[in-house]
Protein backbone atom coordinates (compact mmCIF):
# COMPACT_ATOMS: atom_id res chain seq x y z
CA MET A 1 51.57 10.00 -16.81
CA ASN A 2 53.15 11.74 -19.82
CA GLU A 3 56.69 13.04 -19.35
CA TYR A 4 57.20 16.52 -20.85
CA GLY A 5 60.87 17.23 -20.16
CA THR A 6 63.51 18.29 -17.62
CA VAL A 7 63.91 21.44 -15.50
CA ILE A 8 66.99 23.47 -16.41
CA SER A 9 69.03 26.14 -14.64
CA THR A 10 68.91 29.66 -16.10
CA PHE A 11 70.21 33.10 -15.06
CA ASP A 12 66.93 33.90 -13.23
CA GLY A 13 65.59 30.47 -12.29
CA PRO A 14 64.34 28.13 -11.10
CA CYS A 15 62.64 30.34 -8.52
CA THR A 16 59.22 30.53 -6.89
CA ARG A 17 57.95 32.89 -9.64
CA LYS A 18 59.11 31.02 -12.75
CA PHE A 19 61.25 28.23 -14.12
CA SER A 20 62.06 26.63 -17.48
CA PHE A 21 62.43 23.12 -18.82
CA VAL A 22 63.78 21.50 -21.97
CA ILE A 23 60.97 19.73 -23.81
CA LYS A 24 61.56 16.05 -24.46
CA LYS A 25 62.22 15.13 -28.12
CA GLY A 26 59.01 14.16 -29.90
CA CYS A 27 56.84 15.65 -27.14
CA VAL A 28 54.38 18.45 -27.94
CA VAL A 29 53.94 21.14 -25.29
CA ARG A 30 51.90 24.25 -26.04
CA ARG A 31 51.37 27.61 -24.41
CA GLY A 32 48.58 27.42 -21.83
CA GLN A 33 49.08 23.78 -20.85
CA PHE A 34 49.46 22.72 -17.21
CA VAL A 35 52.50 20.84 -15.92
CA GLU A 36 53.48 19.05 -12.73
CA VAL A 37 56.87 18.96 -11.00
CA SER A 38 57.82 17.23 -7.76
CA ILE A 39 59.26 19.55 -5.11
CA GLU A 40 59.83 19.41 -1.40
CA GLY A 41 56.39 19.30 0.21
CA GLY A 42 54.34 18.06 -2.74
CA LYS A 43 53.64 18.50 -6.43
CA LEU A 44 54.02 21.93 -7.98
CA ILE A 45 51.39 22.78 -10.63
CA GLY A 46 52.36 25.38 -13.23
CA ARG A 47 51.13 26.86 -16.51
CA VAL A 48 53.18 27.09 -19.71
CA ALA A 49 53.62 30.83 -20.31
CA ASP A 50 55.60 30.49 -23.55
CA VAL A 51 57.53 28.03 -25.71
CA PHE A 52 60.57 28.90 -27.82
CA LYS A 53 63.17 27.13 -29.98
CA THR A 54 66.92 27.48 -29.84
CA ASN A 55 69.90 26.12 -31.76
CA ARG A 56 73.58 26.74 -30.92
CA TYR A 57 74.56 26.88 -34.61
CA PHE A 58 72.31 29.89 -35.24
CA MET A 59 73.17 31.97 -32.17
CA ARG A 60 75.86 34.16 -33.77
CA PRO A 61 74.61 36.26 -36.72
CA GLU A 62 78.06 36.78 -38.26
CA SER A 63 78.70 33.01 -38.38
CA VAL A 64 75.32 32.28 -39.92
CA GLU A 65 75.84 34.94 -42.58
CA LYS A 66 79.33 33.64 -43.45
CA TYR A 67 78.39 29.97 -43.83
CA GLU A 68 74.94 30.46 -45.38
CA SER A 69 76.39 32.63 -48.17
CA SER A 70 78.45 29.72 -49.47
CA LYS A 71 76.55 26.56 -48.59
CA PRO A 72 73.49 25.68 -46.41
CA MET A 73 74.61 25.01 -42.84
CA GLU A 74 72.63 21.74 -42.79
CA GLU A 75 75.25 20.31 -45.20
CA ILE A 76 78.19 21.40 -43.01
CA PHE A 77 77.07 20.88 -39.43
CA PRO A 78 74.64 18.52 -37.65
CA VAL A 79 72.23 21.44 -37.21
CA SER A 80 69.06 19.38 -36.61
CA ASN A 81 70.70 17.54 -33.71
CA TRP A 82 71.12 20.78 -31.76
CA GLU A 83 67.62 22.20 -32.15
CA TYR A 84 65.53 21.98 -29.00
CA LEU A 85 62.46 23.53 -27.37
CA ILE A 86 62.31 25.35 -24.04
CA ALA A 87 59.11 26.04 -22.09
CA ASP A 88 58.76 28.88 -19.57
CA ILE A 89 56.52 28.04 -16.62
CA VAL A 90 54.54 30.21 -14.21
CA PRO A 91 54.13 28.28 -10.91
CA LEU A 92 50.54 28.41 -9.62
CA GLY A 93 50.48 26.35 -6.44
CA VAL A 94 51.53 23.15 -4.66
CA TYR A 95 49.39 20.05 -4.21
CA GLY A 96 50.64 18.90 -0.81
CA LYS A 97 49.88 16.44 1.94
CA GLY A 98 46.25 15.92 2.83
CA GLU A 99 45.29 16.92 -0.72
CA MET A 100 45.60 20.59 0.25
CA PHE A 101 46.78 23.36 -2.05
CA GLU A 102 49.42 25.81 -0.87
CA GLU A 103 51.34 28.76 -2.24
CA VAL A 104 54.64 28.12 -3.99
CA SER A 105 57.34 28.80 -1.40
CA PHE A 106 60.12 26.55 -2.75
CA PRO A 107 61.40 26.13 -6.34
CA PRO A 108 61.97 22.84 -8.22
CA SER A 109 65.52 21.57 -8.62
CA PRO A 110 67.31 21.58 -12.00
CA GLY A 111 67.17 18.08 -13.46
CA THR A 112 63.67 17.35 -12.07
CA LYS A 113 61.34 15.67 -14.54
CA VAL A 114 58.25 17.53 -15.72
CA TYR A 115 54.97 15.65 -16.28
CA GLU A 116 51.37 16.20 -17.35
CA PRO A 117 49.26 16.44 -14.17
CA ASP A 118 46.65 13.83 -13.36
CA HIS A 119 43.25 14.98 -14.64
CA ALA A 120 41.63 14.62 -11.22
CA ILE A 121 44.35 16.82 -9.68
CA ILE A 122 43.86 19.46 -12.41
CA SER A 123 40.11 19.58 -11.77
CA LYS A 124 40.53 19.90 -8.02
CA PHE A 125 43.41 22.36 -8.34
CA LEU A 126 41.41 24.66 -10.62
CA GLY A 127 38.26 24.45 -8.48
CA LEU A 128 36.08 22.69 -11.06
CA ASP A 129 32.82 21.06 -9.91
CA LYS A 130 31.61 17.66 -11.17
CA LYS A 131 28.00 18.84 -10.81
CA GLY A 132 28.61 22.34 -12.15
CA LEU A 133 27.67 24.04 -15.42
CA GLN A 134 29.61 22.45 -18.28
CA VAL A 135 30.87 25.24 -20.51
CA GLY A 136 33.59 23.30 -22.36
CA GLU A 137 36.92 21.61 -21.80
CA LEU A 138 40.55 22.51 -21.12
CA PRO A 139 42.57 22.69 -24.34
CA TYR A 140 45.23 19.94 -24.61
CA HIS A 141 44.09 18.09 -21.46
CA ASN A 142 40.65 16.64 -22.28
CA VAL A 143 39.34 17.81 -18.88
CA SER A 144 35.69 18.91 -18.72
CA VAL A 145 35.29 22.48 -17.43
CA ARG A 146 32.30 22.43 -15.06
CA LEU A 147 31.80 25.59 -13.01
CA ASN A 148 30.09 25.74 -9.64
CA LEU A 149 26.83 27.70 -9.99
CA THR A 150 27.26 29.72 -6.80
CA ARG A 151 30.91 30.61 -7.44
CA LEU A 152 30.17 31.60 -11.03
CA LEU A 153 27.01 33.67 -10.58
CA GLN A 154 26.36 34.77 -7.00
CA LYS A 155 28.95 37.55 -7.15
CA HIS A 156 28.04 38.35 -10.77
CA LEU A 157 29.56 37.41 -14.13
CA ALA A 158 30.95 39.52 -16.99
CA ILE A 159 31.43 38.17 -20.53
CA LEU A 160 33.73 40.41 -22.59
CA ALA A 161 34.75 40.12 -26.25
CA ILE A 162 34.78 41.86 -29.61
CA SER A 163 31.78 41.52 -31.91
CA GLY A 164 31.63 38.08 -33.52
CA ALA A 165 33.90 36.38 -30.95
CA GLY A 166 31.12 34.13 -29.63
CA LYS A 167 29.57 35.97 -26.65
CA SER A 168 25.97 35.02 -27.48
CA TYR A 169 27.05 31.47 -28.29
CA LEU A 170 28.62 31.13 -24.84
CA VAL A 171 25.55 32.61 -23.15
CA SER A 172 23.39 30.08 -25.03
CA VAL A 173 25.57 27.26 -23.66
CA ILE A 174 25.15 28.64 -20.11
CA ILE A 175 21.38 28.89 -20.64
CA GLU A 176 21.27 25.24 -21.73
CA GLU A 177 23.11 24.26 -18.57
CA LEU A 178 20.73 26.28 -16.38
CA LEU A 179 17.70 24.67 -18.03
CA ARG A 180 19.21 21.23 -17.54
CA ARG A 181 19.33 21.55 -13.76
CA ASN A 182 16.66 19.84 -11.66
CA LYS A 183 15.01 21.12 -8.47
CA GLU A 184 17.31 19.11 -6.23
CA GLU A 185 20.37 20.85 -7.73
CA GLY A 186 18.87 24.34 -7.35
CA GLN A 187 17.22 26.26 -10.18
CA LEU A 188 17.36 29.96 -10.96
CA ALA A 189 14.91 32.22 -12.75
CA THR A 190 16.78 33.69 -15.72
CA ILE A 191 15.79 36.92 -17.45
CA ILE A 192 17.61 37.93 -20.64
CA VAL A 193 17.51 41.47 -21.98
CA ASP A 194 17.88 40.66 -25.68
CA THR A 195 18.74 43.75 -27.74
CA HIS A 196 19.13 41.94 -31.07
CA GLY A 197 16.63 39.05 -30.87
CA GLU A 198 19.41 36.46 -30.65
CA TYR A 199 17.79 34.29 -27.97
CA VAL A 200 14.26 34.16 -29.40
CA SER A 201 15.35 31.00 -31.25
CA PHE A 202 15.15 29.08 -27.95
CA SER A 203 11.36 29.41 -28.08
CA GLU A 204 11.38 27.86 -31.58
CA ASP A 205 13.35 24.80 -30.42
CA SER A 206 11.11 21.89 -29.41
CA LYS A 207 13.56 20.85 -26.64
CA TYR A 208 13.12 24.18 -24.83
CA THR A 209 9.71 25.56 -25.85
CA ASP A 210 8.02 24.77 -22.53
CA LYS A 211 10.80 26.48 -20.55
CA ILE A 212 11.11 29.71 -22.55
CA LYS A 213 8.79 32.69 -22.71
CA VAL A 214 9.42 35.66 -24.99
CA PHE A 215 8.11 39.13 -24.12
CA PRO A 216 8.18 41.33 -27.27
CA ALA A 217 8.98 45.01 -26.79
CA ARG A 218 5.60 46.07 -28.19
CA ASP A 219 3.79 44.29 -25.30
CA ILE A 220 5.84 45.81 -22.45
CA ARG A 221 4.08 48.45 -20.34
CA ILE A 222 5.17 50.47 -17.32
CA GLY A 223 2.26 51.03 -14.93
CA LEU A 224 2.11 54.74 -14.09
CA PRO A 225 0.25 54.23 -10.74
CA ASN A 226 3.08 51.97 -9.58
CA LEU A 227 5.73 54.67 -10.02
CA THR A 228 6.87 57.25 -7.51
CA SER A 229 7.65 60.81 -8.56
CA ARG A 230 11.33 60.00 -8.03
CA GLN A 231 11.14 57.06 -10.42
CA ILE A 232 9.35 59.16 -13.04
CA SER A 233 11.95 61.90 -12.60
CA GLU A 234 14.64 59.33 -13.50
CA PHE A 235 12.95 59.08 -16.90
CA LEU A 236 12.84 62.90 -17.03
CA PRO A 237 16.24 64.05 -15.68
CA LYS A 238 15.78 67.67 -16.78
CA LEU A 239 13.00 68.40 -14.28
CA SER A 240 13.90 70.85 -11.50
CA PRO A 241 13.40 69.93 -7.81
CA ALA A 242 10.35 72.22 -7.65
CA GLN A 243 8.79 70.54 -10.69
CA VAL A 244 9.45 67.10 -9.19
CA ARG A 245 7.67 68.18 -5.98
CA GLU A 246 4.64 69.34 -7.94
CA LEU A 247 4.61 66.09 -9.92
CA ALA A 248 4.72 64.14 -6.64
CA ARG A 249 1.66 66.10 -5.40
CA PHE A 250 -0.31 65.31 -8.56
CA LEU A 251 0.58 61.62 -8.32
CA ARG A 252 -0.52 61.43 -4.66
CA GLU A 253 -3.84 63.02 -5.51
CA MET A 254 -4.41 60.68 -8.47
CA LYS A 255 -3.54 57.57 -6.44
CA SER A 256 -5.86 58.59 -3.61
CA LYS A 257 -8.82 58.79 -5.98
CA ARG A 258 -8.29 55.94 -8.44
CA LYS A 259 -6.33 52.71 -8.65
CA HIS A 260 -5.72 52.75 -12.40
CA PHE A 261 -4.85 55.76 -14.50
CA GLY A 262 -2.63 56.61 -17.45
CA ILE A 263 -0.65 59.61 -18.64
CA ASN A 264 -3.70 61.19 -20.29
CA GLU A 265 -5.58 61.27 -16.99
CA LEU A 266 -2.54 62.69 -15.19
CA ILE A 267 -2.18 65.43 -17.81
CA GLU A 268 -5.88 66.33 -17.44
CA ARG A 269 -5.43 66.60 -13.66
CA ILE A 270 -2.42 68.92 -14.06
CA GLU A 271 -4.22 71.16 -16.57
CA GLU A 272 -7.21 71.50 -14.22
CA ASP A 273 -5.08 72.42 -11.20
CA GLU A 274 -5.24 76.02 -9.95
CA LYS A 275 -2.46 75.88 -7.33
CA ALA A 276 0.57 75.22 -9.53
CA LYS A 277 2.25 77.96 -11.55
CA SER A 278 1.36 77.97 -15.22
CA ALA A 279 5.04 77.66 -16.21
CA THR A 280 5.43 74.55 -14.04
CA LYS A 281 2.23 73.05 -15.44
CA ASP A 282 3.40 73.71 -19.01
CA VAL A 283 6.71 71.95 -18.37
CA LEU A 284 5.07 68.93 -16.70
CA VAL A 285 2.50 68.55 -19.45
CA SER A 286 5.21 68.82 -22.10
CA VAL A 287 7.44 66.15 -20.57
CA LEU A 288 4.49 63.84 -19.89
CA TYR A 289 3.44 64.12 -23.54
CA ASP A 290 7.03 63.16 -24.36
CA LEU A 291 6.72 60.06 -22.16
CA MET A 292 3.37 59.20 -23.75
CA GLN A 293 4.99 59.22 -27.19
CA THR A 294 7.24 56.34 -26.16
CA GLY A 295 4.21 54.06 -25.96
CA LEU A 296 5.66 52.39 -22.87
CA PHE A 297 3.35 53.70 -20.18
CA GLY A 298 -0.05 52.34 -19.21
CA ALA A 299 -2.42 51.91 -16.29
CA SER A 300 -0.67 48.74 -15.05
CA ASP A 301 2.61 46.83 -15.40
CA HIS A 302 3.10 44.16 -18.03
CA PRO A 303 4.72 41.78 -17.51
CA LEU A 304 4.72 41.48 -13.73
CA ALA A 305 7.93 40.52 -11.93
CA LYS A 306 6.46 37.15 -10.92
CA GLU A 307 5.62 36.43 -14.57
CA ILE A 308 9.16 36.92 -15.83
CA ALA A 309 11.00 35.44 -12.82
CA GLN A 310 9.99 31.78 -12.84
CA GLN A 311 12.26 29.17 -11.30
CA GLY A 312 13.92 26.84 -13.79
CA LYS A 313 12.69 28.88 -16.77
CA ILE A 314 14.00 31.60 -19.08
CA SER A 315 12.26 34.87 -19.92
CA VAL A 316 13.51 36.75 -22.97
CA ILE A 317 12.81 40.49 -23.02
CA ASP A 318 13.04 41.05 -26.78
CA LEU A 319 13.99 44.69 -27.39
CA SER A 320 15.16 44.11 -30.96
CA SER A 321 12.30 46.20 -32.41
CA PHE A 322 13.37 49.26 -30.39
CA ILE A 323 15.78 51.66 -32.08
CA SER A 324 15.71 54.29 -29.33
CA SER A 325 18.37 53.73 -26.64
CA ARG A 326 16.25 55.80 -24.27
CA LYS A 327 13.28 53.44 -24.59
CA LYS A 328 15.51 50.44 -24.04
CA GLN A 329 16.97 52.01 -20.91
CA MET A 330 13.51 52.85 -19.56
CA VAL A 331 12.40 49.24 -19.90
CA VAL A 332 15.59 47.86 -18.35
CA ALA A 333 15.53 50.36 -15.47
CA HIS A 334 11.91 49.52 -14.66
CA LEU A 335 12.22 45.74 -14.93
CA ALA A 336 15.52 45.63 -13.03
CA ARG A 337 14.03 47.63 -10.16
CA LYS A 338 10.92 45.42 -10.03
CA LEU A 339 13.06 42.29 -9.99
CA PHE A 340 15.43 43.59 -7.33
CA ASN A 341 12.60 44.76 -5.07
CA GLY A 342 10.76 41.49 -5.61
CA ARG A 343 13.83 39.49 -4.64
CA ARG A 344 14.61 41.72 -1.67
CA ASP A 345 11.07 41.07 -0.37
CA SER A 346 11.37 37.32 -1.18
CA LYS A 347 8.39 37.50 -3.55
CA ILE A 348 10.29 35.98 -6.48
CA PRO A 349 12.95 33.23 -6.65
CA PRO A 350 16.71 33.86 -6.90
CA PHE A 351 17.35 35.17 -10.40
CA LEU A 352 20.02 35.87 -13.01
CA LEU A 353 19.58 39.03 -15.07
CA VAL A 354 21.52 38.80 -18.35
CA LEU A 355 22.24 42.16 -20.03
CA GLU A 356 23.35 42.07 -23.66
CA GLU A 357 25.21 45.23 -24.78
CA ALA A 358 25.64 46.08 -21.09
CA HIS A 359 27.69 49.21 -21.86
CA GLN A 360 24.45 50.76 -23.21
CA PHE A 361 22.59 50.19 -19.92
CA VAL A 362 25.31 50.78 -17.35
CA PRO A 363 27.88 53.04 -19.04
CA GLU A 364 30.95 54.50 -17.42
CA THR A 365 29.69 58.04 -18.04
CA ALA A 366 27.38 59.45 -15.38
CA ARG A 367 25.43 61.75 -17.70
CA ALA A 368 21.84 61.16 -16.61
CA GLU A 369 20.22 61.57 -20.04
CA ILE A 370 22.09 58.56 -21.41
CA ALA A 371 22.26 56.52 -18.22
CA ILE A 372 18.66 56.03 -17.06
CA SER A 373 19.23 52.39 -16.08
CA ARG A 374 22.73 52.94 -14.68
CA GLY A 375 21.73 53.53 -11.08
CA ILE A 376 19.63 50.40 -10.49
CA ILE A 377 22.09 48.12 -12.32
CA GLN A 378 24.93 49.42 -10.16
CA THR A 379 22.76 48.88 -7.08
CA ILE A 380 22.20 45.24 -8.04
CA ALA A 381 25.92 44.90 -8.75
CA ARG A 382 26.78 46.20 -5.27
CA GLU A 383 24.01 44.65 -3.19
CA GLY A 384 22.48 41.85 -5.28
CA ARG A 385 24.58 39.01 -3.90
CA LYS A 386 23.06 39.53 -0.43
CA PHE A 387 19.60 38.86 -1.86
CA HIS A 388 20.65 36.26 -4.49
CA ALA A 389 19.98 38.67 -7.34
CA SER A 390 22.74 37.99 -9.89
CA LEU A 391 23.93 39.87 -12.96
CA CYS A 392 25.59 38.73 -16.17
CA LEU A 393 26.98 41.71 -18.06
CA ILE A 394 27.87 41.12 -21.72
CA SER A 395 29.86 43.76 -23.58
CA GLN A 396 32.11 44.27 -26.58
CA ARG A 397 33.47 47.55 -25.17
CA PRO A 398 34.65 46.93 -21.59
CA ILE A 399 36.22 50.40 -21.39
CA GLN A 400 32.76 51.96 -21.86
CA LEU A 401 31.24 49.76 -19.16
CA SER A 402 30.78 51.16 -15.66
CA THR A 403 33.88 50.46 -13.57
CA THR A 404 31.65 50.18 -10.50
CA ALA A 405 29.52 47.44 -12.09
CA LEU A 406 32.43 45.62 -13.74
CA SER A 407 34.48 45.57 -10.53
CA GLN A 408 31.58 43.88 -8.74
CA CYS A 409 31.58 41.05 -11.32
CA ASN A 410 33.90 38.65 -9.53
CA THR A 411 34.13 36.25 -12.49
CA HIS A 412 35.08 37.31 -16.01
CA ILE A 413 34.89 35.13 -19.10
CA ILE A 414 36.96 36.86 -21.76
CA LEU A 415 36.81 35.85 -25.41
CA ARG A 416 38.82 37.57 -28.14
CA VAL A 417 39.56 41.26 -27.46
CA THR A 418 41.89 43.25 -29.72
CA ASN A 419 41.44 46.91 -28.74
CA PRO A 420 44.49 47.90 -26.65
CA TYR A 421 42.42 50.22 -24.43
CA ASP A 422 39.94 47.41 -23.67
CA LEU A 423 42.81 45.00 -22.99
CA ASP A 424 44.36 47.47 -20.56
CA HIS A 425 40.99 47.98 -18.86
CA ILE A 426 40.51 44.21 -18.52
CA GLY A 427 44.01 43.81 -17.10
CA ARG A 428 43.26 46.38 -14.38
CA SER A 429 39.73 45.16 -13.53
CA SER A 430 40.17 41.34 -13.65
CA GLU A 431 41.64 39.84 -10.49
CA GLY A 432 44.40 37.25 -10.81
CA ILE A 433 45.11 37.92 -14.49
CA THR A 434 48.83 38.02 -15.35
CA LYS A 435 50.74 39.66 -18.19
CA ASP A 436 51.39 36.39 -20.03
CA VAL A 437 47.66 35.64 -19.96
CA ILE A 438 46.70 39.15 -21.17
CA ASN A 439 49.07 38.71 -24.13
CA GLN A 440 47.11 35.66 -25.29
CA ILE A 441 43.65 37.30 -25.31
CA SER A 442 44.04 39.17 -28.62
CA GLY A 443 45.05 35.91 -30.35
CA LEU A 444 42.19 33.75 -29.06
CA ARG A 445 40.27 31.88 -31.74
CA VAL A 446 36.46 32.00 -31.91
CA GLY A 447 35.15 29.40 -29.48
CA THR A 448 37.99 29.73 -26.97
CA GLY A 449 37.79 31.87 -23.84
CA LEU A 450 39.62 32.79 -20.66
CA ILE A 451 37.94 32.38 -17.25
CA VAL A 452 39.31 34.42 -14.35
CA GLY A 453 38.06 35.30 -10.89
CA GLU A 454 35.77 33.74 -8.31
CA GLY A 455 34.50 30.96 -10.60
CA VAL A 456 37.90 29.24 -10.73
CA ASN A 457 40.95 29.03 -8.48
CA PHE A 458 43.32 30.16 -11.25
CA PRO A 459 42.87 31.71 -14.72
CA ILE A 460 42.09 28.98 -17.26
CA PHE A 461 41.56 28.84 -21.00
CA VAL A 462 38.52 26.88 -22.11
CA LYS A 463 37.31 25.55 -25.43
CA ILE A 464 33.57 26.29 -25.42
CA ARG A 465 31.47 23.18 -25.97
CA LYS A 466 29.10 22.85 -28.92
CA ARG A 467 25.66 24.26 -28.24
CA GLU A 468 22.66 21.95 -28.44
CA SER A 469 19.95 24.54 -29.08
CA ARG A 470 18.92 26.01 -32.41
CA GLU A 471 21.09 28.95 -33.49
CA SER A 472 19.51 32.32 -34.23
CA ARG A 473 19.04 33.29 -37.88
CA ARG A 474 20.47 36.70 -36.93
CA GLY A 475 23.92 35.13 -36.81
CA ILE A 476 24.02 33.56 -40.29
CA PRO A 477 27.01 34.40 -42.56
CA LEU A 478 26.81 37.52 -44.75
CA GLU A 479 26.92 35.48 -47.97
CA GLU A 480 23.97 33.34 -46.86
CA ALA A 481 21.93 36.40 -45.87
CA ALA A 482 22.61 37.97 -49.28
CA LYS A 483 21.52 34.78 -51.09
CA GLU A 484 18.35 34.50 -49.00
CA PHE A 485 17.42 38.09 -49.83
CA SER A 486 17.94 37.65 -53.58
CA GLU A 487 15.93 34.40 -53.54
CA GLY A 488 13.14 36.21 -51.68
CA VAL A 489 13.06 39.01 -54.27
CA LYS A 490 12.99 36.45 -57.10
CA LYS A 491 10.10 34.57 -55.47
CA LYS A 492 8.08 37.78 -55.03
CA LYS A 493 8.52 38.62 -58.73
CA GLU A 494 7.44 35.11 -59.74
CA ASP A 495 4.41 35.30 -57.45
CA ALA A 496 3.49 38.71 -58.92
CA LYS A 497 3.71 37.35 -62.49
CA SER A 498 1.58 34.30 -61.70
CA PHE A 499 -1.03 36.57 -60.04
CA MET A 500 -1.19 38.80 -63.14
């Protein structure tokens, strides 16, 4: 057991909220590390909130200025002998009798020695699971961070960070862990809404080819006969109640006569009708033509919910070829509803729906024309855990993400975030996060994250493990992309010359 130092008495400690200790000479203690102190009733576990240096010879500015102007103070006084480090600690809990954890109700005594906690105690104290998903390790402690699947995902997960901080990399690590699980451990069906084509590379990796299926945007169809007038009206928010009622009548008539039909057939039926007002018919025909232009609607659904929700496998909904946010939202709204209904009726296995750029699909704003998928995603966020329908929301702008959806994500993994508004939003929406932890988020390096909430007992920093799958070509450095393009142009010119 490594000794870190000795608890000291200060003006405001030791107390149950904080205490400080002098770091032992030659010992390295860093912000974020865990420490252990013996107190009455057990072993107190705390986290290093900050580390600072002090030296009695440099405490009075006027003295420093006077001596330094004539000769360096190192030549006059034994300055180096009086430099020492002090660590401020935030107490987290007490490891007491019967290996139970309790709240801190009694402070450590000045003069008590401070040690590095035993690794087994750290794991148990933080709520890590030996059979859980391995996302990385604790910095400075060499303790593997394995998260219990149920605690991490059942009450939903949010991954928040600025662009380029490693969100997709972390998701890829989680996917690898999900694919590694066997039937005895419990397997989920995972569906990824991929807006930039970053996860398609899994299908090109020989280790994962048989467990990954990619559904390109061009192949996705929404079956018109499977929709209610209310569902269609969600795609067409500007319809009046009277127009929605007429549309419902036309749909009932079409469904009673034929099992399969498309928008063209529905338009023909509306134009032939003699009961509806001509103005209503004109509006319905106009908006249906608008829907037809999206190319998303057909006589039947593709893919079916049971095709994309397969236990132990990953389905990638590749929307990277879509530029229109409206089309993306239509697809997500439809697939999310099919998945939720399928799970509610126990027709598909428990699933995890991963939403990249989640603020596009479930925004904070309630304006219907830019929030087609907002309603169903919020429904899954509120009710999904009862039916084992889980969400993973990934966003680089937490402040633009629906507060309702984000508040239902009981575990947050936060990578680097620098925007002060986003940091403030995270601080108010993440349970158990303290001011000293918030202050560290903007300085996180790529590959390091903060886990807070249901997935762990206390907020922890984690160094994300190295991924084993092939990385997407979309994430290559700018210089490499520029070189590849110039080499491609050169090759085309050479091919053209040889052809001539």
